[in-house]
Amino acid sequence: MKQMDALQKLEQYVNMPSGSADLEGLAAFVSVVEKDMQALVSQCCREPVNVSDFEKLLDYIRQNYQNPSFSAEMAASFAGVSTPYLSRMFKAKMGMTYIDFLTGLRMGRALELIQRTDMPIKEIVEQVGYIDVSGFRRKFKAVYGMSVSEYKNNMNRKEGQACIVPSVPENTGTTQKEN
């Protein structure tokens, strides 16, 4: 929106009849453009997040993933980077997207709770950061290839042993590359 406002102001200034240019308006426009450019340059030229800072970010995510409103924007803000940069950083350092990492944490914990407790699915859903049971069930089936009920039935047939291996990464704290 700011870019559009700045372009409109520039167009208005350029289309003014000669001699009627508003110097104060031009100065305000230049100031806005300068601030936008500084923000862009600082974002583009930002030093990559080092391994220690990345580990702090992973810890922050692990401490907050149970919050249903926890977002990539919150993680990016914690790391002091933009959301797109956070996504690129995760892909480079972890070999997966931020969303895959977050889903891995949530689904891994859900699977653990399903295997080790008798908690109702609604409570599990709340503890792992999902808002509604149906959304969780869809994600569980997408990740594990079977419904929660099917998983529980298979698990019971195997006398309490897990019948499937989670397809989400178990070691969500190991980085692939170091800066």
Foldseek 3Di string as FASTA:
>chain_A
DLVVVLVVLVVVQVPDPPPPHDPVSVVVSVVSVVVVVVVVCCQVVPDDDFPVLVLVLVVVCLVPLLALPDDLCVSCVSSVHHSVVQQVNCCQWPVDGPVLLSLLSLLVQLVVCLLPHPDDQQVSCNRSRHDDSVVVQVSNCVFFVDGSVVQSVVCVVVVSDGPDDGPRDPCSNGTDDGD
